[in-house]
Amino acid sequence: MLRWSTVPVLRRVEPFVLAILAAVAVAALLPAGGAFATGLSWGTTVGVGLLFFVHGARMAPAEALRGLHDWRLQGSVALTTYVLFPLLGVLLVLATGRFLGEGLAAGLLFLAVLPSTVQSSVVFTAQAGGNVPGAVVSATASNLAGVGFTPLLAALLLGSTGAGPDAGSIGRIILQLLVPFLVGLAAGRFVGGWVRRHRRPLSSLDRGVIVAVVYAAFSRGVRQGVWQQVGPLEVAVVVGCAALLLAAVLAATWWAPRLWGASRPDRVTTVFCGSNKSLATGLPMATVLFDPHVVGLVALPVVLYHPLQITVCSFLAGRMALARP
């Protein structure tokens, strides 16, 4: 039987999820406005840049490149993240779009093009007896690629919609995300060790920025009245779509690798690295890519998917651990 205490990541993530939900609730009751909203906007812009600098400094790209020799494992995770997920997202939006507005539909597609997580996917892989070095490489490579692929795929899939990235998104991505990320990568040889040794306190910075981003995004939505477009039916459809996405990807990543004779540890790695989506990367990216009046709606599917993936994957990791040969 899987116990809460056997899943270390859940003990760390649970307060974070509660903080995000609290930020949504506070924004609904007390949305930021006036000078405070302006200061919050500037603060989150600086915070997002700092967050991506830390992401870049934390990574060890040379190690990731050395690990790419296992092309079947790495290729299966990459194809799941940037091909299978987007295709499933498009199919779901086509099937459910009549129940959703442009903002929520864009949010589902944006969720589908996000990179994998690093921390939770590696922890789940380790608990389930998977290929941990392969998971580290897959998650790192996914985030490296996501800085470029996620905005590109978002523009490709959403460019023709009213909620898609606007013409200024490329410049904002370069200035607010790509430049800090590349500077962090370059500085990694000097500060990378320090950043990795202080991962726990720096994770508080990550989470603080993300909670502030959620509060700012949902506050803008409240002030502009966009939440009047969202009712229980729309939220239920989004939750159902998120559950279908997760279930379909989990099934595909477990069974498809058998076609090329993948070992059980590699299949476990593909399951968790392929199915997880990064909230820490996704929400800051959404604030840069999308217009302020829709960013709250776009963020909602990402916010809802995160606790779902943590709950389901923690259960699966526990069951896989018990079934290890």
Protein backbone atom coordinates (compact mmCIF):
# COMPACT_ATOMS: atom_id res chain seq x y z
CA MET A 1 0.00 0.00 0.00
CA LEU A 2 1.35 3.43 -0.98
CA ARG A 3 1.69 5.75 1.98
CA TRP A 4 2.03 9.53 1.81
CA SER A 5 5.32 9.33 3.70
CA THR A 6 6.84 7.03 1.06
CA VAL A 7 6.68 9.72 -1.62
CA PRO A 8 9.21 12.42 -0.65
CA VAL A 9 8.26 14.77 -3.50
CA LEU A 10 4.67 14.97 -2.28
CA ARG A 11 5.71 16.31 1.10
CA ARG A 12 7.58 19.11 -0.68
CA VAL A 13 5.04 19.82 -3.39
CA GLU A 14 1.85 19.80 -1.31
CA PRO A 15 2.45 23.21 0.34
CA PHE A 16 3.42 24.59 -3.06
CA VAL A 17 0.15 23.39 -4.63
CA LEU A 18 -1.79 24.83 -1.70
CA ALA A 19 0.05 28.15 -2.11
CA ILE A 20 -0.92 28.28 -5.80
CA LEU A 21 -4.56 27.55 -5.00
CA ALA A 22 -4.45 30.18 -2.26
CA ALA A 23 -3.05 32.71 -4.74
CA VAL A 24 -5.98 31.99 -7.07
CA ALA A 25 -8.46 32.44 -4.20
CA VAL A 26 -6.87 35.67 -2.98
CA ALA A 27 -6.83 37.04 -6.53
CA ALA A 28 -10.55 36.29 -6.84
CA LEU A 29 -11.34 38.14 -3.60
CA LEU A 30 -8.63 40.81 -3.52
CA PRO A 31 -7.20 41.32 -7.01
CA ALA A 32 -4.10 43.48 -7.28
CA GLY A 33 -4.79 46.93 -8.65
CA GLY A 34 -3.33 50.40 -9.09
CA ALA A 35 0.26 51.02 -8.06
CA PHE A 36 0.47 47.62 -6.37
CA ALA A 37 -0.43 45.85 -9.62
CA THR A 38 2.20 47.89 -11.49
CA GLY A 39 4.86 47.05 -8.92
CA LEU A 40 3.83 43.40 -8.94
CA SER A 41 4.13 43.32 -12.72
CA TRP A 42 7.66 44.71 -12.61
CA GLY A 43 8.58 42.40 -9.76
CA THR A 44 7.36 39.27 -11.52
CA THR A 45 9.18 40.31 -14.71
CA VAL A 46 12.47 40.58 -12.81
CA GLY A 47 11.68 37.40 -10.86
CA VAL A 48 11.01 35.39 -14.02
CA GLY A 49 14.31 36.52 -15.51
CA LEU A 50 16.13 35.53 -12.32
CA LEU A 51 14.31 32.21 -12.25
CA PHE A 52 15.49 31.34 -15.79
CA PHE A 53 19.02 32.46 -14.93
CA VAL A 54 19.01 30.00 -12.03
CA HIS A 55 17.56 27.27 -14.27
CA GLY A 56 20.41 27.81 -16.70
CA ALA A 57 23.10 27.91 -14.02
CA ARG A 58 21.72 24.78 -12.36
CA MET A 59 22.02 22.64 -15.49
CA ALA A 60 25.08 20.73 -16.57
CA PRO A 61 24.67 20.66 -20.37
CA ALA A 62 27.94 18.80 -20.96
CA GLU A 63 26.71 15.89 -18.85
CA ALA A 64 23.38 15.96 -20.64
CA LEU A 65 25.08 15.83 -24.04
CA ARG A 66 27.22 12.88 -22.92
CA GLY A 67 24.08 11.02 -21.89
CA LEU A 68 22.35 11.46 -25.23
CA HIS A 69 24.09 8.37 -26.62
CA ASP A 70 21.07 6.32 -25.54
CA TRP A 71 19.12 7.73 -28.46
CA ARG A 72 16.15 5.37 -28.16
CA LEU A 73 15.39 6.37 -24.58
CA GLN A 74 16.03 10.07 -25.12
CA GLY A 75 14.23 10.05 -28.46
CA SER A 76 11.15 8.39 -26.98
CA VAL A 77 10.90 11.00 -24.22
CA ALA A 78 11.45 13.88 -26.67
CA LEU A 79 8.85 12.53 -29.13
CA THR A 80 6.36 12.09 -26.30
CA THR A 81 6.91 15.62 -24.99
CA TYR A 82 7.01 17.54 -28.26
CA VAL A 83 5.08 15.37 -30.73
CA LEU A 84 2.62 13.00 -29.02
CA PHE A 85 1.47 15.48 -26.38
CA PRO A 86 0.81 18.31 -28.89
CA LEU A 87 -1.06 15.94 -31.24
CA LEU A 88 -3.26 14.74 -28.39
CA GLY A 89 -3.79 18.34 -27.29
CA VAL A 90 -4.97 19.33 -30.76
CA LEU A 91 -7.38 16.37 -30.91
CA LEU A 92 -8.84 17.23 -27.50
CA VAL A 93 -9.32 20.87 -28.42
CA LEU A 94 -11.02 19.87 -31.67
CA ALA A 95 -13.33 17.56 -29.70
CA THR A 96 -14.12 19.93 -26.82
CA GLY A 97 -13.51 23.39 -28.28
CA ARG A 98 -17.22 24.17 -28.50
CA PHE A 99 -17.42 23.96 -24.71
CA LEU A 100 -14.39 26.18 -24.13
CA GLY A 101 -13.49 29.75 -24.99
CA GLU A 102 -10.31 30.70 -26.81
CA GLY A 103 -8.37 31.24 -23.60
CA LEU A 104 -8.97 27.80 -22.08
CA ALA A 105 -8.49 26.05 -25.44
CA ALA A 106 -5.18 27.89 -25.82
CA GLY A 107 -4.27 26.80 -22.29
CA LEU A 108 -4.79 23.13 -23.15
CA LEU A 109 -2.57 23.46 -26.21
CA PHE A 110 0.02 25.37 -24.22
CA LEU A 111 0.02 22.64 -21.56
CA ALA A 112 0.67 20.08 -24.30
CA VAL A 113 3.87 21.81 -25.53
CA LEU A 114 5.55 22.36 -22.15
CA PRO A 115 8.81 20.57 -21.29
CA SER A 116 9.08 17.84 -18.67
CA THR A 117 9.75 18.48 -15.02
CA VAL A 118 13.18 17.73 -13.57
CA GLN A 119 12.72 17.11 -9.87
CA SER A 120 9.48 15.11 -9.71
CA SER A 121 10.14 12.97 -12.81
CA VAL A 122 13.56 11.94 -11.47
CA VAL A 123 12.18 11.22 -7.98
CA PHE A 124 9.35 9.09 -9.37
CA THR A 125 11.79 7.24 -11.64
CA ALA A 126 14.10 6.48 -8.73
CA GLN A 127 11.27 5.25 -6.52
CA ALA A 128 9.89 2.97 -9.25
CA GLY A 129 13.29 1.42 -10.07
CA GLY A 130 13.83 3.17 -13.37
CA ASN A 131 16.94 4.41 -15.16
CA VAL A 132 17.80 7.40 -12.96
CA PRO A 133 20.80 8.69 -15.00
CA GLY A 134 18.64 8.45 -18.11
CA ALA A 135 15.86 10.35 -16.35
CA VAL A 136 18.24 13.14 -15.32
CA VAL A 137 19.48 13.46 -18.91
CA SER A 138 15.94 13.31 -20.37
CA ALA A 139 14.54 15.92 -18.00
CA THR A 140 17.53 18.24 -18.46
CA ALA A 141 17.47 17.92 -22.25
CA SER A 142 13.70 18.49 -22.27
CA ASN A 143 14.09 21.77 -20.38
CA LEU A 144 17.00 22.89 -22.54
CA ALA A 145 14.94 22.20 -25.66
CA GLY A 146 11.81 23.71 -24.13
CA VAL A 147 13.25 27.22 -24.06
CA GLY A 148 13.10 27.13 -27.85
CA PHE A 149 10.54 24.45 -28.71
CA THR A 150 7.75 25.54 -26.39
CA PRO A 151 7.41 29.10 -27.78
CA LEU A 152 7.83 27.78 -31.34
CA LEU A 153 5.14 25.12 -30.97
CA ALA A 154 2.86 27.54 -29.12
CA ALA A 155 3.14 30.04 -31.97
CA LEU A 156 2.58 27.29 -34.54
CA LEU A 157 -0.50 25.84 -32.87
CA LEU A 158 -2.00 29.07 -31.54
CA GLY A 159 -0.85 31.72 -33.97
CA SER A 160 -4.17 31.82 -35.81
CA THR A 161 -6.27 32.16 -32.65
CA GLY A 162 -7.14 35.31 -30.77
CA ALA A 163 -5.48 33.94 -27.64
CA GLY A 164 -2.22 32.99 -29.34
CA PRO A 165 1.17 34.64 -28.82
CA ASP A 166 1.33 38.12 -30.34
CA ALA A 167 4.02 39.59 -32.57
CA GLY A 168 5.96 40.96 -29.63
CA SER A 169 6.28 37.53 -28.01
CA ILE A 170 9.53 36.72 -29.81
CA GLY A 171 11.24 39.79 -28.44
CA ARG A 172 9.90 39.18 -24.94
CA ILE A 173 11.01 35.55 -25.03
CA ILE A 174 14.51 36.59 -26.05
CA LEU A 175 14.86 39.36 -23.46
CA GLN A 176 13.02 37.87 -20.48
CA LEU A 177 13.66 34.14 -20.87
CA LEU A 178 16.31 33.19 -23.41
CA VAL A 179 18.96 35.79 -22.50
CA PRO A 180 18.82 35.08 -18.73
CA PHE A 181 18.81 31.34 -19.43
CA LEU A 182 21.86 31.52 -21.73
CA VAL A 183 23.66 33.82 -19.29
CA GLY A 184 22.95 31.28 -16.57
CA LEU A 185 24.30 28.46 -18.73
CA ALA A 186 27.47 30.46 -19.41
CA ALA A 187 27.84 31.33 -15.73
CA GLY A 188 27.25 27.72 -14.73
CA ARG A 189 30.96 26.91 -14.85
CA PHE A 190 31.51 29.52 -12.12
CA VAL A 191 28.32 29.37 -10.03
CA GLY A 192 26.72 26.08 -11.09
CA GLY A 193 28.19 24.11 -8.21
CA TRP A 194 27.00 26.67 -5.67
CA VAL A 195 23.52 26.73 -7.24
CA ARG A 196 23.22 22.95 -7.16
CA ARG A 197 24.45 22.75 -3.57
CA HIS A 198 21.85 25.31 -2.52
CA ARG A 199 18.99 23.78 -4.50
CA ARG A 200 16.62 23.71 -1.54
CA PRO A 201 16.75 27.41 -0.57
CA LEU A 202 16.76 28.45 -4.22
CA SER A 203 13.65 26.35 -4.81
CA SER A 204 11.88 28.76 -2.46
CA LEU A 205 12.76 31.52 -4.95
CA ASP A 206 11.30 29.46 -7.81
CA ARG A 207 8.10 28.80 -5.96
CA GLY A 208 7.75 32.33 -4.67
CA VAL A 209 8.06 33.72 -8.20
CA ILE A 210 5.52 31.22 -9.53
CA VAL A 211 2.99 31.99 -6.80
CA ALA A 212 3.41 35.71 -7.52
CA VAL A 213 2.94 35.04 -11.25
CA VAL A 214 -0.26 33.11 -10.54
CA TYR A 215 -1.62 35.89 -8.32
CA ALA A 216 -0.75 38.59 -10.86
CA ALA A 217 -2.22 36.66 -13.81
CA PHE A 218 -5.47 35.76 -12.07
CA SER A 219 -5.78 39.30 -10.67
CA ARG A 220 -5.66 40.71 -14.20
CA GLY A 221 -8.35 38.26 -15.23
CA VAL A 222 -10.59 39.29 -12.35
CA ARG A 223 -10.14 43.01 -13.05
CA GLN A 224 -10.91 42.53 -16.74
CA GLY A 225 -13.91 40.28 -16.14
CA VAL A 226 -12.58 37.29 -18.08
CA TRP A 227 -13.64 34.84 -15.34
CA GLN A 228 -17.25 35.61 -16.11
CA GLN A 229 -16.67 33.44 -19.19
CA VAL A 230 -15.74 30.43 -17.07
CA GLY A 231 -18.28 28.29 -15.27
CA PRO A 232 -18.36 24.83 -13.69
CA LEU A 233 -18.87 23.17 -17.09
CA GLU A 234 -15.72 24.74 -18.56
CA VAL A 235 -13.65 23.79 -15.50
CA ALA A 236 -14.99 20.23 -15.61
CA VAL A 237 -14.11 19.95 -19.30
CA VAL A 238 -10.56 21.19 -18.64
CA VAL A 239 -10.10 18.70 -15.78
CA GLY A 240 -11.47 15.89 -17.95
CA CYS A 241 -9.13 16.82 -20.81
CA ALA A 242 -6.15 16.95 -18.44
CA ALA A 243 -7.03 13.50 -17.10
CA LEU A 244 -7.41 12.09 -20.63
CA LEU A 245 -4.08 13.58 -21.67
CA LEU A 246 -2.32 12.09 -18.69
CA ALA A 247 -3.96 8.66 -19.07
CA ALA A 248 -3.23 8.45 -22.80
CA VAL A 249 0.42 9.45 -22.40
CA LEU A 250 0.98 7.10 -19.46
CA ALA A 251 -0.40 4.18 -21.48
CA ALA A 252 1.60 5.07 -24.58
CA THR A 253 4.88 5.56 -22.72
CA TRP A 254 4.54 2.25 -20.89
CA TRP A 255 3.54 0.03 -23.83
CA ALA A 256 5.13 1.64 -26.90
CA PRO A 257 8.78 1.14 -25.76
CA ARG A 258 8.15 -2.62 -25.76
CA LEU A 259 8.06 -2.42 -29.57
CA TRP A 260 11.82 -1.81 -29.66
CA GLY A 261 12.63 -4.08 -26.73
CA ALA A 262 13.23 -1.41 -24.10
CA SER A 263 14.19 -2.66 -20.66
CA ARG A 264 11.88 -2.17 -17.71
CA PRO A 265 14.04 0.63 -16.20
CA ASP A 266 13.96 2.50 -19.51
CA ARG A 267 10.19 2.08 -19.78
CA VAL A 268 9.77 3.47 -16.26
CA THR A 269 11.94 6.46 -17.19
CA THR A 270 9.90 7.09 -20.33
CA VAL A 271 6.65 6.95 -18.34
CA PHE A 272 7.59 9.60 -15.80
CA CYS A 273 9.75 11.90 -17.93
CA GLY A 274 7.25 11.75 -20.79
CA SER A 275 4.08 12.34 -18.78
CA ASN A 276 5.17 15.16 -16.45
CA LYS A 277 4.81 18.81 -17.45
CA SER A 278 6.73 21.63 -15.79
CA LEU A 279 4.66 24.16 -13.89
CA ALA A 280 7.84 26.02 -12.93
CA THR A 281 8.67 26.62 -16.59
CA GLY A 282 5.16 26.86 -17.94
CA LEU A 283 3.64 29.66 -15.85
CA PRO A 284 6.50 32.15 -16.31
CA MET A 285 6.53 31.37 -20.04
CA ALA A 286 2.78 31.99 -20.25
CA THR A 287 3.17 35.50 -18.79
CA VAL A 288 5.69 36.32 -21.50
CA LEU A 289 3.99 34.61 -24.46
CA PHE A 290 0.37 35.66 -24.01
CA ASP A 291 -1.51 38.92 -23.72
CA PRO A 292 -2.27 39.92 -20.11
CA HIS A 293 -6.03 39.70 -20.62
CA VAL A 294 -5.91 35.95 -21.42
CA VAL A 295 -2.89 34.73 -19.46
CA GLY A 296 -5.00 33.72 -16.44
CA LEU A 297 -7.22 31.52 -18.61
CA VAL A 298 -4.19 30.04 -20.38
CA ALA A 299 -2.59 29.22 -17.03
CA LEU A 300 -5.62 27.40 -15.62
CA PRO A 301 -5.09 24.04 -17.43
CA VAL A 302 -1.42 24.05 -16.34
CA VAL A 303 -2.41 24.77 -12.73
CA LEU A 304 -4.99 21.95 -12.77
CA TYR A 305 -2.71 19.42 -14.48
CA HIS A 306 0.09 19.79 -11.94
CA PRO A 307 -1.59 18.27 -8.84
CA LEU A 308 -3.18 15.62 -11.06
CA GLN A 309 0.16 14.44 -12.42
CA ILE A 310 1.74 14.45 -8.95
CA THR A 311 -1.10 12.40 -7.43
CA VAL A 312 -1.34 9.82 -10.23
CA CYS A 313 2.40 9.43 -10.79
CA SER A 314 3.10 9.07 -7.06
CA PHE A 315 0.56 6.25 -6.92
CA LEU A 316 2.06 4.56 -9.98
CA ALA A 317 5.60 4.92 -8.66
CA GLY A 318 4.58 3.23 -5.42
CA ARG A 319 2.89 0.36 -7.26
CA MET A 320 5.87 -0.08 -9.57
CA ALA A 321 8.21 -0.13 -6.59
CA LEU A 322 6.24 -3.00 -5.06
CA ALA A 323 6.27 -4.89 -8.38
CA ARG A 324 10.02 -4.54 -8.99
CA PRO A 325 11.63 -7.89 -9.91
